[in-house]
Amino acid sequence: MKKNLRSAHSTLANSKGFLSADFIFSIVIASGLCIVFFSLTFTLSMVEIGQYIAYSVTRAHAPGHKTQEDQTAMAKAKFASLQKNKVLRPLFSNGWFEITNLDIRGGGSDSKDFADRYPRGLASDADLPQIGVRLNFEAKMLKMKIPMMGSTDNGSGFKAFLTGLMIREPSAKECFDQIRKERYRAIMALDKDRRFEKIAGASSEQSYVPMEDNGC
């Protein structure tokens, strides 16, 4: 009886194998943390690439064109070309990251801008239009289950906006409407002797007429 009690006590007091268990636990935790930090670092790198795409699309949208619709079409064409780029396409088609929902707001005739999302702030900046493009960025790579830590996703995913704000140059149609119609009417109203109508081409329906430069 005494021998059996001594044997049971020896078994409970035996600490062999504890170091192996601690080592395995530490390796699993360290590996999980390495996976998390690698995923986070890689995601931040992809955000920079996505921001480059947003900026490139904004640059394509900003230069003047015949109409505002043409400027919007240039931005969409640039976004489509970047999506098909042989270097960028594999990065956003492997299921880890996605860039979708191109949102173009150029102000002008449609009066759409990002002022509701990005307030102008200071009163001195009230005249600066918040126009440009915005993309949806989703990092599916961050959705994972780490051993002994659980899931990193709460169900809403890891999403963010990539925004490029750049003032759009006026289109030829907008300049034409301002100069040929609004400004021309104002000048004609001041010209009591109707001397301006005598300038060749001033009252024609051609695309180009002599007019003082107002910056357009």
N, C-alpha and C. Protein backbone atom coordinates (compact mmCIF):
# COMPACT_ATOMS: atom_id res chain seq x y z
N MET A 1 0.84 -1.21 0.00
CA MET A 1 0.00 0.00 0.00
C MET A 1 0.86 1.24 0.00
N LYS A 2 1.86 1.22 0.87
CA LYS A 2 2.76 2.36 0.96
C LYS A 2 3.54 2.53 -0.34
N LYS A 3 3.88 1.39 -0.96
CA LYS A 3 4.62 1.44 -2.21
C LYS A 3 3.77 2.05 -3.32
N ASN A 4 2.47 1.71 -3.33
CA ASN A 4 1.58 2.27 -4.35
C ASN A 4 1.41 3.77 -4.19
N LEU A 5 1.31 4.27 -2.96
CA LEU A 5 1.21 5.71 -2.72
C LEU A 5 2.46 6.43 -3.17
N ARG A 6 3.62 5.81 -2.90
CA ARG A 6 4.88 6.43 -3.31
C ARG A 6 4.97 6.49 -4.83
N SER A 7 4.47 5.47 -5.51
CA SER A 7 4.50 5.44 -6.98
C SER A 7 3.60 6.52 -7.57
N ALA A 8 2.41 6.70 -7.00
CA ALA A 8 1.49 7.74 -7.48
C ALA A 8 2.07 9.13 -7.26
N HIS A 9 2.69 9.34 -6.13
CA HIS A 9 3.31 10.63 -5.83
C HIS A 9 4.45 10.93 -6.80
N SER A 10 5.22 9.91 -7.13
CA SER A 10 6.33 10.09 -8.06
C SER A 10 5.82 10.46 -9.45
N THR A 11 4.70 9.86 -9.84
CA THR A 11 4.13 10.17 -11.16
C THR A 11 3.67 11.62 -11.24
N LEU A 12 3.01 12.10 -10.18
CA LEU A 12 2.54 13.48 -10.16
C LEU A 12 3.69 14.47 -10.09
N ALA A 13 4.75 14.09 -9.41
CA ALA A 13 5.89 14.99 -9.26
C ALA A 13 6.82 14.98 -10.46
N ASN A 14 6.59 14.07 -11.39
CA ASN A 14 7.46 13.96 -12.55
C ASN A 14 7.23 15.15 -13.49
N SER A 15 8.25 15.91 -13.83
CA SER A 15 8.14 17.08 -14.70
C SER A 15 8.72 16.85 -16.08
N LYS A 16 8.98 15.63 -16.43
CA LYS A 16 9.53 15.33 -17.74
C LYS A 16 8.49 15.64 -18.83
N GLY A 17 8.94 16.30 -19.91
CA GLY A 17 8.05 16.65 -21.01
C GLY A 17 7.45 18.03 -20.92
N PHE A 18 7.52 18.70 -19.76
CA PHE A 18 6.96 20.04 -19.62
C PHE A 18 7.67 21.03 -20.53
N LEU A 19 8.98 20.88 -20.67
CA LEU A 19 9.75 21.79 -21.51
C LEU A 19 9.33 21.66 -22.97
N SER A 20 9.05 20.45 -23.39
CA SER A 20 8.60 20.23 -24.77
C SER A 20 7.25 20.90 -25.02
N ALA A 21 6.36 20.79 -24.04
CA ALA A 21 5.04 21.42 -24.18
C ALA A 21 5.17 22.94 -24.24
N ASP A 22 6.02 23.50 -23.39
CA ASP A 22 6.25 24.95 -23.41
C ASP A 22 6.85 25.38 -24.74
N PHE A 23 7.76 24.58 -25.25
CA PHE A 23 8.41 24.91 -26.52
C PHE A 23 7.40 24.91 -27.67
N ILE A 24 6.56 23.87 -27.71
CA ILE A 24 5.55 23.79 -28.77
C ILE A 24 4.57 24.95 -28.67
N PHE A 25 4.14 25.28 -27.45
CA PHE A 25 3.22 26.40 -27.25
C PHE A 25 3.86 27.71 -27.73
N SER A 26 5.11 27.92 -27.38
CA SER A 26 5.81 29.15 -27.78
C SER A 26 5.97 29.24 -29.29
N ILE A 27 6.30 28.11 -29.92
CA ILE A 27 6.47 28.09 -31.37
C ILE A 27 5.16 28.43 -32.07
N VAL A 28 4.05 27.87 -31.58
CA VAL A 28 2.75 28.14 -32.20
C VAL A 28 2.38 29.61 -32.06
N ILE A 29 2.57 30.18 -30.87
CA ILE A 29 2.26 31.59 -30.65
C ILE A 29 3.15 32.48 -31.50
N ALA A 30 4.46 32.19 -31.53
CA ALA A 30 5.39 33.00 -32.32
C ALA A 30 5.08 32.91 -33.81
N SER A 31 4.73 31.72 -34.28
CA SER A 31 4.38 31.55 -35.69
C SER A 31 3.11 32.34 -36.03
N GLY A 32 2.13 32.30 -35.13
CA GLY A 32 0.90 33.06 -35.35
C GLY A 32 1.15 34.55 -35.42
N LEU A 33 1.99 35.06 -34.53
CA LEU A 33 2.32 36.49 -34.54
C LEU A 33 3.09 36.86 -35.80
N CYS A 34 3.99 35.99 -36.24
CA CYS A 34 4.74 36.25 -37.48
C CYS A 34 3.80 36.34 -38.68
N ILE A 35 2.81 35.45 -38.71
CA ILE A 35 1.83 35.47 -39.80
C ILE A 35 1.04 36.77 -39.78
N VAL A 36 0.62 37.21 -38.60
CA VAL A 36 -0.14 38.45 -38.47
C VAL A 36 0.68 39.65 -38.93
N PHE A 37 1.92 39.75 -38.44
CA PHE A 37 2.76 40.89 -38.79
C PHE A 37 3.14 40.89 -40.27
N PHE A 38 3.39 39.71 -40.83
CA PHE A 38 3.69 39.63 -42.26
C PHE A 38 2.49 40.08 -43.08
N SER A 39 1.30 39.60 -42.71
CA SER A 39 0.08 39.98 -43.43
C SER A 39 -0.17 41.47 -43.34
N LEU A 40 0.04 42.04 -42.16
CA LEU A 40 -0.17 43.47 -41.97
C LEU A 40 0.82 44.28 -42.79
N THR A 41 2.08 43.88 -42.79
CA THR A 41 3.11 44.59 -43.55
C THR A 41 2.83 44.50 -45.05
N PHE A 42 2.46 43.32 -45.51
CA PHE A 42 2.16 43.14 -46.93
C PHE A 42 0.93 43.95 -47.33
N THR A 43 -0.05 44.01 -46.44
CA THR A 43 -1.25 44.80 -46.72
C THR A 43 -0.93 46.28 -46.85
N LEU A 44 -0.09 46.80 -45.96
CA LEU A 44 0.29 48.21 -46.04
C LEU A 44 1.03 48.51 -47.34
N SER A 45 1.84 47.57 -47.79
CA SER A 45 2.53 47.74 -49.07
C SER A 45 1.53 47.79 -50.22
N MET A 46 0.52 46.95 -50.16
CA MET A 46 -0.50 46.93 -51.21
C MET A 46 -1.36 48.19 -51.17
N VAL A 47 -1.54 48.76 -49.99
CA VAL A 47 -2.26 50.03 -49.88
C VAL A 47 -1.52 51.12 -50.64
N GLU A 48 -0.20 51.14 -50.54
CA GLU A 48 0.60 52.13 -51.27
C GLU A 48 0.43 51.94 -52.78
N ILE A 49 0.41 50.70 -53.23
CA ILE A 49 0.21 50.44 -54.66
C ILE A 49 -1.20 50.87 -55.08
N GLY A 50 -2.18 50.57 -54.23
CA GLY A 50 -3.54 50.99 -54.52
C GLY A 50 -3.69 52.50 -54.55
N GLN A 51 -2.96 53.19 -53.68
CA GLN A 51 -3.00 54.65 -53.67
C GLN A 51 -2.38 55.21 -54.95
N TYR A 52 -1.36 54.54 -55.46
CA TYR A 52 -0.78 54.94 -56.75
C TYR A 52 -1.81 54.81 -57.86
N ILE A 53 -2.60 53.74 -57.83
CA ILE A 53 -3.65 53.56 -58.84
C ILE A 53 -4.67 54.69 -58.75
N ALA A 54 -5.09 55.02 -57.53
CA ALA A 54 -6.06 56.11 -57.34
C ALA A 54 -5.50 57.43 -57.85
N TYR A 55 -4.22 57.69 -57.57
CA TYR A 55 -3.60 58.94 -58.03
C TYR A 55 -3.50 58.97 -59.55
N SER A 56 -3.14 57.84 -60.17
CA SER A 56 -3.03 57.79 -61.62
C SER A 56 -4.37 58.03 -62.29
N VAL A 57 -5.43 57.46 -61.72
CA VAL A 57 -6.77 57.67 -62.28
C VAL A 57 -7.18 59.13 -62.12
N THR A 58 -6.82 59.72 -60.99
CA THR A 58 -7.13 61.14 -60.77
C THR A 58 -6.40 62.02 -61.76
N ARG A 59 -5.14 61.69 -62.03
CA ARG A 59 -4.35 62.45 -63.00
C ARG A 59 -4.97 62.36 -64.39
N ALA A 60 -5.53 61.21 -64.73
CA ALA A 60 -6.17 61.05 -66.03
C ALA A 60 -7.48 61.83 -66.11
N HIS A 61 -8.11 62.02 -64.96
CA HIS A 61 -9.40 62.73 -64.91
C HIS A 61 -9.23 64.24 -64.89
N ALA A 62 -8.10 64.73 -64.39
CA ALA A 62 -7.92 66.16 -64.15
C ALA A 62 -7.72 67.00 -65.42
N PRO A 63 -6.93 66.58 -66.42
CA PRO A 63 -6.66 67.45 -67.57
C PRO A 63 -7.92 67.81 -68.34
N GLY A 64 -7.88 68.98 -68.99
CA GLY A 64 -9.02 69.44 -69.76
C GLY A 64 -9.29 68.55 -70.97
N HIS A 65 -10.55 68.55 -71.40
CA HIS A 65 -10.96 67.76 -72.57
C HIS A 65 -12.14 68.49 -73.21
N LYS A 66 -12.75 67.88 -74.20
CA LYS A 66 -13.86 68.53 -74.88
C LYS A 66 -15.05 68.74 -73.94
N THR A 67 -15.41 67.68 -73.22
CA THR A 67 -16.53 67.76 -72.28
C THR A 67 -16.14 67.09 -70.97
N GLN A 68 -16.94 67.31 -69.94
CA GLN A 68 -16.69 66.66 -68.66
C GLN A 68 -16.88 65.15 -68.79
N GLU A 69 -17.80 64.73 -69.65
CA GLU A 69 -18.01 63.29 -69.86
C GLU A 69 -16.76 62.65 -70.44
N ASP A 70 -16.05 63.38 -71.31
CA ASP A 70 -14.80 62.85 -71.86
C ASP A 70 -13.74 62.70 -70.78
N GLN A 71 -13.70 63.64 -69.84
CA GLN A 71 -12.75 63.54 -68.74
C GLN A 71 -13.05 62.32 -67.86
N THR A 72 -14.34 62.09 -67.62
CA THR A 72 -14.74 60.91 -66.85
C THR A 72 -14.38 59.63 -67.59
N ALA A 73 -14.57 59.63 -68.90
CA ALA A 73 -14.23 58.45 -69.70
C ALA A 73 -12.73 58.18 -69.67
N MET A 74 -11.92 59.23 -69.66
CA MET A 74 -10.47 59.05 -69.58
C MET A 74 -10.07 58.40 -68.26
N ALA A 75 -10.73 58.80 -67.18
CA ALA A 75 -10.43 58.21 -65.87
C ALA A 75 -10.82 56.73 -65.84
N LYS A 76 -11.98 56.41 -66.39
CA LYS A 76 -12.42 55.01 -66.43
C LYS A 76 -11.49 54.16 -67.29
N ALA A 77 -11.04 54.73 -68.41
CA ALA A 77 -10.12 54.00 -69.28
C ALA A 77 -8.78 53.75 -68.59
N LYS A 78 -8.32 54.73 -67.83
CA LYS A 78 -7.05 54.56 -67.11
C LYS A 78 -7.18 53.48 -66.05
N PHE A 79 -8.29 53.48 -65.33
CA PHE A 79 -8.51 52.46 -64.30
C PHE A 79 -8.57 51.07 -64.92
N ALA A 80 -9.25 50.96 -66.05
CA ALA A 80 -9.34 49.66 -66.73
C ALA A 80 -7.97 49.18 -67.21
N SER A 81 -7.15 50.11 -67.72
CA SER A 81 -5.82 49.72 -68.19
C SER A 81 -4.92 49.28 -67.05
N LEU A 82 -5.04 49.92 -65.89
CA LEU A 82 -4.24 49.52 -64.74
C LEU A 82 -4.69 48.17 -64.19
N GLN A 83 -5.98 47.89 -64.28
CA GLN A 83 -6.47 46.58 -63.84
C GLN A 83 -5.94 45.46 -64.73
N LYS A 84 -5.68 45.79 -66.01
CA LYS A 84 -5.17 44.78 -66.94
C LYS A 84 -3.65 44.76 -67.01
N ASN A 85 -3.00 45.66 -66.30
CA ASN A 85 -1.54 45.73 -66.33
C ASN A 85 -0.93 44.40 -65.89
N LYS A 86 0.08 43.94 -66.63
CA LYS A 86 0.64 42.61 -66.36
C LYS A 86 1.36 42.54 -65.01
N VAL A 87 1.76 43.69 -64.47
CA VAL A 87 2.41 43.71 -63.16
C VAL A 87 1.39 43.84 -62.04
N LEU A 88 0.41 44.72 -62.21
CA LEU A 88 -0.56 44.99 -61.15
C LEU A 88 -1.68 43.96 -61.09
N ARG A 89 -2.04 43.41 -62.23
CA ARG A 89 -3.19 42.49 -62.25
C ARG A 89 -3.04 41.30 -61.31
N PRO A 90 -1.87 40.62 -61.28
CA PRO A 90 -1.75 39.48 -60.35
C PRO A 90 -1.90 39.86 -58.88
N LEU A 91 -1.57 41.10 -58.54
CA LEU A 91 -1.64 41.52 -57.14
C LEU A 91 -3.07 41.64 -56.64
N PHE A 92 -4.00 41.96 -57.56
CA PHE A 92 -5.38 42.21 -57.14
C PHE A 92 -6.36 41.18 -57.72
N SER A 93 -5.84 40.07 -58.20
CA SER A 93 -6.71 39.01 -58.73
C SER A 93 -6.40 37.65 -58.11
N ASN A 94 -5.63 37.66 -57.02
CA ASN A 94 -5.27 36.39 -56.38
C ASN A 94 -6.15 36.06 -55.18
N GLY A 95 -7.17 36.89 -54.93
CA GLY A 95 -8.08 36.63 -53.82
C GLY A 95 -7.64 37.21 -52.49
N TRP A 96 -6.46 37.80 -52.45
CA TRP A 96 -5.98 38.40 -51.20
C TRP A 96 -6.40 39.86 -51.08
N PHE A 97 -6.39 40.58 -52.20
CA PHE A 97 -6.73 42.01 -52.18
C PHE A 97 -7.65 42.32 -53.36
N GLU A 98 -8.52 43.30 -53.16
CA GLU A 98 -9.43 43.74 -54.22
C GLU A 98 -9.54 45.25 -54.23
N ILE A 99 -9.57 45.83 -55.43
CA ILE A 99 -9.85 47.25 -55.61
C ILE A 99 -11.04 47.35 -56.56
N THR A 100 -12.14 47.91 -56.07
CA THR A 100 -13.38 47.94 -56.85
C THR A 100 -14.08 49.29 -56.68
N ASN A 101 -15.23 49.41 -57.36
CA ASN A 101 -16.16 50.55 -57.21
C ASN A 101 -15.48 51.89 -57.43
N LEU A 102 -15.07 52.14 -58.66
CA LEU A 102 -14.50 53.43 -59.01
C LEU A 102 -15.58 54.51 -58.91
N ASP A 103 -15.36 55.48 -58.04
CA ASP A 103 -16.31 56.58 -57.81
C ASP A 103 -15.65 57.87 -58.27
N ILE A 104 -16.17 58.48 -59.34
CA ILE A 104 -15.62 59.70 -59.91
C ILE A 104 -16.57 60.85 -59.62
N ARG A 105 -16.05 61.88 -58.98
CA ARG A 105 -16.86 63.07 -58.69
C ARG A 105 -16.06 64.29 -59.12
N GLY A 106 -16.51 64.89 -60.22
CA GLY A 106 -15.77 66.00 -60.80
C GLY A 106 -16.42 67.35 -60.67
N GLY A 107 -17.49 67.44 -59.85
CA GLY A 107 -18.15 68.74 -59.73
C GLY A 107 -18.78 69.13 -61.05
N GLY A 108 -18.69 70.40 -61.40
CA GLY A 108 -19.18 70.86 -62.69
C GLY A 108 -20.68 70.73 -62.83
N SER A 109 -21.11 70.22 -63.99
CA SER A 109 -22.54 70.17 -64.30
C SER A 109 -23.31 69.21 -63.40
N ASP A 110 -22.66 68.11 -62.97
CA ASP A 110 -23.38 67.17 -62.11
C ASP A 110 -23.30 67.54 -60.63
N SER A 111 -22.43 68.51 -60.29
CA SER A 111 -22.32 69.06 -58.93
C SER A 111 -21.97 68.01 -57.88
N LYS A 112 -21.38 66.90 -58.28
CA LYS A 112 -21.01 65.86 -57.32
C LYS A 112 -19.56 66.05 -56.87
N ASP A 113 -19.36 66.04 -55.56
CA ASP A 113 -18.00 66.10 -55.03
C ASP A 113 -17.95 65.28 -53.74
N PHE A 114 -16.81 65.34 -53.07
CA PHE A 114 -16.61 64.56 -51.83
C PHE A 114 -16.71 65.44 -50.59
N ALA A 115 -17.38 66.58 -50.70
CA ALA A 115 -17.48 67.48 -49.55
C ALA A 115 -18.23 66.84 -48.39
N ASP A 116 -19.15 65.91 -48.70
CA ASP A 116 -19.89 65.25 -47.62
C ASP A 116 -19.01 64.29 -46.84
N ARG A 117 -17.99 63.75 -47.50
CA ARG A 117 -17.09 62.79 -46.86
C ARG A 117 -15.85 63.48 -46.30
N TYR A 118 -15.35 64.47 -47.03
CA TYR A 118 -14.15 65.19 -46.62
C TYR A 118 -14.47 66.68 -46.55
N PRO A 119 -14.91 67.17 -45.41
CA PRO A 119 -15.28 68.59 -45.27
C PRO A 119 -14.11 69.51 -45.60
N ARG A 120 -14.44 70.68 -46.12
CA ARG A 120 -13.39 71.63 -46.51
C ARG A 120 -12.64 72.19 -45.31
N GLY A 121 -13.30 72.29 -44.19
CA GLY A 121 -12.61 72.72 -42.98
C GLY A 121 -12.60 74.23 -42.82
N LEU A 122 -11.45 74.86 -43.02
CA LEU A 122 -11.30 76.29 -42.79
C LEU A 122 -12.16 77.09 -43.75
N ALA A 123 -12.58 78.26 -43.28
CA ALA A 123 -13.40 79.13 -44.12
C ALA A 123 -12.62 79.60 -45.34
N SER A 124 -11.29 79.71 -45.19
CA SER A 124 -10.46 80.15 -46.31
C SER A 124 -10.39 79.12 -47.42
N ASP A 125 -10.74 77.85 -47.10
CA ASP A 125 -10.72 76.79 -48.10
C ASP A 125 -12.11 76.48 -48.64
N ALA A 126 -13.06 77.36 -48.39
CA ALA A 126 -14.45 77.08 -48.77
C ALA A 126 -14.62 76.96 -50.28
N ASP A 127 -13.75 77.63 -51.05
CA ASP A 127 -13.88 77.63 -52.50
C ASP A 127 -13.11 76.50 -53.17
N LEU A 128 -12.40 75.69 -52.39
CA LEU A 128 -11.64 74.58 -52.96
C LEU A 128 -12.55 73.37 -53.13
N PRO A 129 -12.81 72.95 -54.34
CA PRO A 129 -13.71 71.80 -54.54
C PRO A 129 -13.04 70.49 -54.15
N GLN A 130 -13.78 69.63 -53.48
CA GLN A 130 -13.29 68.31 -53.09
C GLN A 130 -13.66 67.32 -54.19
N ILE A 131 -12.91 67.36 -55.27
CA ILE A 131 -13.24 66.52 -56.43
C ILE A 131 -12.07 65.60 -56.76
N GLY A 132 -12.39 64.48 -57.38
CA GLY A 132 -11.38 63.49 -57.72
C GLY A 132 -12.02 62.12 -57.85
N VAL A 133 -11.29 61.09 -57.41
CA VAL A 133 -11.80 59.73 -57.51
C VAL A 133 -11.61 59.01 -56.17
N ARG A 134 -12.37 57.94 -56.01
CA ARG A 134 -12.27 57.13 -54.79
C ARG A 134 -12.48 55.66 -55.16
N LEU A 135 -11.69 54.80 -54.53
CA LEU A 135 -11.76 53.36 -54.77
C LEU A 135 -12.00 52.62 -53.46
N ASN A 136 -12.64 51.48 -53.54
CA ASN A 136 -12.81 50.61 -52.38
C ASN A 136 -11.67 49.59 -52.34
N PHE A 137 -10.99 49.53 -51.22
CA PHE A 137 -9.88 48.59 -51.04
C PHE A 137 -10.27 47.59 -49.96
N GLU A 138 -10.14 46.30 -50.28
CA GLU A 138 -10.45 45.25 -49.31
C GLU A 138 -9.27 44.30 -49.20
N ALA A 139 -8.81 44.09 -47.97
CA ALA A 139 -7.69 43.19 -47.70
C ALA A 139 -8.23 41.87 -47.17
N LYS A 140 -8.52 40.94 -48.07
CA LYS A 140 -9.02 39.63 -47.66
C LYS A 140 -7.93 38.80 -47.00
N MET A 141 -6.69 39.20 -47.23
CA MET A 141 -5.56 38.46 -46.65
C MET A 141 -5.58 38.50 -45.12
N LEU A 142 -6.17 39.57 -44.57
CA LEU A 142 -6.18 39.72 -43.12
C LEU A 142 -7.25 38.87 -42.45
N LYS A 143 -8.12 38.25 -43.25
CA LYS A 143 -9.12 37.35 -42.67
C LYS A 143 -8.47 35.99 -42.44
N MET A 144 -8.18 35.67 -41.21
CA MET A 144 -7.49 34.41 -40.91
C MET A 144 -7.86 33.93 -39.51
N LYS A 145 -7.54 32.69 -39.24
CA LYS A 145 -7.72 32.10 -37.92
C LYS A 145 -6.37 31.65 -37.40
N ILE A 146 -5.93 32.28 -36.33
CA ILE A 146 -4.64 31.99 -35.75
C ILE A 146 -4.82 30.95 -34.64
N PRO A 147 -4.02 29.88 -34.63
CA PRO A 147 -4.13 28.88 -33.56
C PRO A 147 -3.95 29.51 -32.18
N MET A 148 -4.85 29.17 -31.27
CA MET A 148 -4.83 29.63 -29.88
C MET A 148 -5.15 31.12 -29.75
N MET A 149 -5.41 31.81 -30.87
CA MET A 149 -5.76 33.24 -30.82
C MET A 149 -7.15 33.49 -31.37
N GLY A 150 -7.59 32.65 -32.28
CA GLY A 150 -8.91 32.81 -32.84
C GLY A 150 -8.90 33.56 -34.16
N SER A 151 -10.08 33.99 -34.59
CA SER A 151 -10.25 34.68 -35.87
C SER A 151 -9.90 36.15 -35.75
N THR A 152 -9.35 36.71 -36.82
CA THR A 152 -9.02 38.14 -36.85
C THR A 152 -10.16 38.99 -37.39
N ASP A 153 -11.20 38.36 -37.91
CA ASP A 153 -12.30 39.07 -38.55
C ASP A 153 -13.55 38.99 -37.68
N ASN A 154 -14.22 40.14 -37.54
CA ASN A 154 -15.45 40.17 -36.76
C ASN A 154 -16.70 40.09 -37.63
N GLY A 155 -16.49 39.87 -38.94
CA GLY A 155 -17.61 39.73 -39.85
C GLY A 155 -17.76 40.85 -40.84
N SER A 156 -17.17 42.01 -40.57
CA SER A 156 -17.30 43.16 -41.47
C SER A 156 -16.16 43.26 -42.47
N GLY A 157 -15.10 42.48 -42.29
CA GLY A 157 -13.99 42.51 -43.22
C GLY A 157 -13.05 43.68 -42.96
N PHE A 158 -12.01 43.75 -43.76
CA PHE A 158 -11.01 44.81 -43.64
C PHE A 158 -11.08 45.66 -44.90
N LYS A 159 -11.78 46.78 -44.81
CA LYS A 159 -12.04 47.63 -45.97
C LYS A 159 -11.62 49.07 -45.67
N ALA A 160 -11.27 49.78 -46.75
CA ALA A 160 -10.88 51.19 -46.62
C ALA A 160 -11.09 51.88 -47.96
N PHE A 161 -11.12 53.20 -47.93
CA PHE A 161 -11.21 54.00 -49.14
C PHE A 161 -9.82 54.46 -49.56
N LEU A 162 -9.55 54.39 -50.86
CA LEU A 162 -8.34 54.99 -51.44
C LEU A 162 -8.81 56.17 -52.27
N THR A 163 -8.40 57.37 -51.88
CA THR A 163 -8.94 58.59 -52.48
C THR A 163 -7.83 59.42 -53.10
N GLY A 164 -8.12 59.95 -54.27
CA GLY A 164 -7.21 60.89 -54.92
C GLY A 164 -7.98 62.15 -55.27
N LEU A 165 -7.66 63.25 -54.60
CA LEU A 165 -8.35 64.52 -54.84
C LEU A 165 -7.44 65.44 -55.65
N MET A 166 -7.94 65.89 -56.78
CA MET A 166 -7.18 66.81 -57.63
C MET A 166 -8.18 67.67 -58.40
N ILE A 167 -7.97 68.97 -58.38
CA ILE A 167 -8.90 69.89 -59.04
C ILE A 167 -8.93 69.62 -60.53
N ARG A 168 -10.11 69.41 -61.06
CA ARG A 168 -10.28 69.13 -62.48
C ARG A 168 -10.23 70.42 -63.29
N GLU A 169 -9.48 70.39 -64.39
CA GLU A 169 -9.45 71.55 -65.27
C GLU A 169 -10.79 71.68 -66.00
N PRO A 170 -11.23 72.90 -66.29
CA PRO A 170 -12.50 73.06 -67.00
C PRO A 170 -12.42 72.46 -68.40
N SER A 171 -13.49 71.86 -68.84
CA SER A 171 -13.54 71.30 -70.19
C SER A 171 -13.74 72.41 -71.21
N ALA A 172 -13.54 72.07 -72.49
CA ALA A 172 -13.73 73.05 -73.55
C ALA A 172 -15.18 73.54 -73.59
N LYS A 173 -16.11 72.63 -73.33
CA LYS A 173 -17.52 73.01 -73.33
C LYS A 173 -17.83 73.98 -72.19
N GLU A 174 -17.24 73.73 -71.01
CA GLU A 174 -17.48 74.63 -69.89
C GLU A 174 -16.90 76.01 -70.16
N CYS A 175 -15.69 76.05 -70.74
CA CYS A 175 -15.10 77.34 -71.10
C CYS A 175 -15.93 78.03 -72.18
N PHE A 176 -16.38 77.24 -73.15
CA PHE A 176 -17.19 77.79 -74.23
C PHE A 176 -18.48 78.39 -73.70
N ASP A 177 -19.13 77.65 -72.80
CA ASP A 177 -20.38 78.14 -72.23
C ASP A 177 -20.16 79.42 -71.44
N GLN A 178 -19.06 79.48 -70.72
CA GLN A 178 -18.80 80.67 -69.90
C GLN A 178 -18.43 81.87 -70.77
N ILE A 179 -17.51 81.64 -71.72
CA ILE A 179 -17.01 82.76 -72.53
C ILE A 179 -18.02 83.17 -73.60
N ARG A 180 -18.47 82.17 -74.36
CA ARG A 180 -19.31 82.47 -75.51
C ARG A 180 -20.70 82.93 -75.12
N LYS A 181 -21.22 82.41 -74.05
CA LYS A 181 -22.59 82.73 -73.68
C LYS A 181 -22.66 83.76 -72.56
N GLU A 182 -22.21 83.36 -71.36
CA GLU A 182 -22.35 84.24 -70.20
C GLU A 182 -21.56 85.54 -70.37
N ARG A 183 -20.26 85.39 -70.67
CA ARG A 183 -19.42 86.58 -70.77
C ARG A 183 -19.76 87.41 -72.01
N TYR A 184 -20.10 86.72 -73.09
CA TYR A 184 -20.44 87.43 -74.31
C TYR A 184 -21.71 88.27 -74.11
N ARG A 185 -22.68 87.71 -73.42
CA ARG A 185 -23.90 88.47 -73.15
C ARG A 185 -23.60 89.70 -72.30
N ALA A 186 -22.73 89.52 -71.30
CA ALA A 186 -22.39 90.65 -70.43
C ALA A 186 -21.68 91.75 -71.20
N ILE A 187 -20.77 91.36 -72.08
CA ILE A 187 -20.04 92.37 -72.87
C ILE A 187 -20.98 93.06 -73.84
N MET A 188 -21.85 92.28 -74.47
CA MET A 188 -22.79 92.88 -75.41
C MET A 188 -23.76 93.83 -74.71
N ALA A 189 -24.08 93.52 -73.46
CA ALA A 189 -24.97 94.41 -72.72
C ALA A 189 -24.29 95.75 -72.44
N LEU A 190 -22.96 95.74 -72.31
CA LEU A 190 -22.22 96.98 -72.07
C LEU A 190 -21.92 97.73 -73.36
N ASP A 191 -21.98 97.02 -74.50
CA ASP A 191 -21.63 97.63 -75.79
C ASP A 191 -22.87 98.27 -76.41
N LYS A 192 -23.11 99.49 -76.01
CA LYS A 192 -24.31 100.18 -76.48
C LYS A 192 -24.28 100.43 -77.98
N ASP A 193 -23.07 100.65 -78.51
CA ASP A 193 -22.94 100.93 -79.95
C ASP A 193 -22.82 99.65 -80.77
N ARG A 194 -22.84 98.50 -80.11
CA ARG A 194 -22.77 97.20 -80.76
C ARG A 194 -21.53 97.08 -81.65
N ARG A 195 -20.40 97.61 -81.12
CA ARG A 195 -19.15 97.55 -81.88
C ARG A 195 -18.57 96.14 -81.87
N PHE A 196 -18.83 95.39 -80.81
CA PHE A 196 -18.23 94.06 -80.71
C PHE A 196 -18.76 93.11 -81.77
N GLU A 197 -20.00 93.31 -82.20
CA GLU A 197 -20.58 92.44 -83.23
C GLU A 197 -19.89 92.60 -84.57
N LYS A 198 -19.19 93.73 -84.74
CA LYS A 198 -18.54 93.99 -86.02
C LYS A 198 -17.22 93.24 -86.17
N ILE A 199 -16.71 92.66 -85.04
CA ILE A 199 -15.48 91.88 -85.12
C ILE A 199 -15.77 90.58 -85.87
N ALA A 200 -14.91 90.27 -86.82
CA ALA A 200 -15.14 89.09 -87.67
C ALA A 200 -15.24 87.83 -86.82
N GLY A 201 -16.31 87.11 -86.98
CA GLY A 201 -16.49 85.84 -86.28
C GLY A 201 -17.07 85.96 -84.90
N ALA A 202 -17.26 87.17 -84.40
CA ALA A 202 -17.71 87.33 -83.02
C ALA A 202 -19.12 86.80 -82.82
N SER A 203 -19.95 86.91 -83.83
CA SER A 203 -21.33 86.48 -83.68
C SER A 203 -21.62 85.21 -84.48
N SER A 204 -20.57 84.54 -84.95
CA SER A 204 -20.78 83.32 -85.74
C SER A 204 -21.00 82.13 -84.82
N GLU A 205 -21.29 81.00 -85.40
CA GLU A 205 -21.51 79.78 -84.63
C GLU A 205 -20.29 78.87 -84.65
N GLN A 206 -19.13 79.40 -85.04
CA GLN A 206 -17.92 78.60 -85.07
C GLN A 206 -17.40 78.35 -83.66
N SER A 207 -16.46 77.41 -83.56
CA SER A 207 -15.94 77.05 -82.23
C SER A 207 -15.01 78.10 -81.66
N TYR A 208 -14.37 78.90 -82.51
CA TYR A 208 -13.39 79.86 -82.03
C TYR A 208 -13.80 81.27 -82.45
N VAL A 209 -13.81 82.15 -81.49
CA VAL A 209 -14.15 83.54 -81.73
C VAL A 209 -13.14 84.41 -81.01
N PRO A 210 -12.87 85.62 -81.48
CA PRO A 210 -11.95 86.52 -80.77
C PRO A 210 -12.56 86.96 -79.44
N MET A 211 -11.80 86.83 -78.38
CA MET A 211 -12.30 87.16 -77.04
C MET A 211 -11.10 87.34 -76.13
N GLU A 212 -11.22 88.23 -75.14
CA GLU A 212 -10.13 88.41 -74.19
C GLU A 212 -9.96 87.15 -73.36
N ASP A 213 -8.74 86.94 -72.89
CA ASP A 213 -8.40 85.72 -72.15
C ASP A 213 -8.83 85.87 -70.69
N ASN A 214 -9.59 84.90 -70.20
CA ASN A 214 -10.01 84.92 -68.80
C ASN A 214 -9.41 83.77 -68.00
N GLY A 215 -8.46 83.05 -68.61
CA GLY A 215 -7.81 81.96 -67.90
C GLY A 215 -8.20 80.59 -68.38
N CYS A 216 -9.32 80.49 -69.10
CA CYS A 216 -9.72 79.18 -69.62
C CYS A 216 -8.81 78.74 -70.75
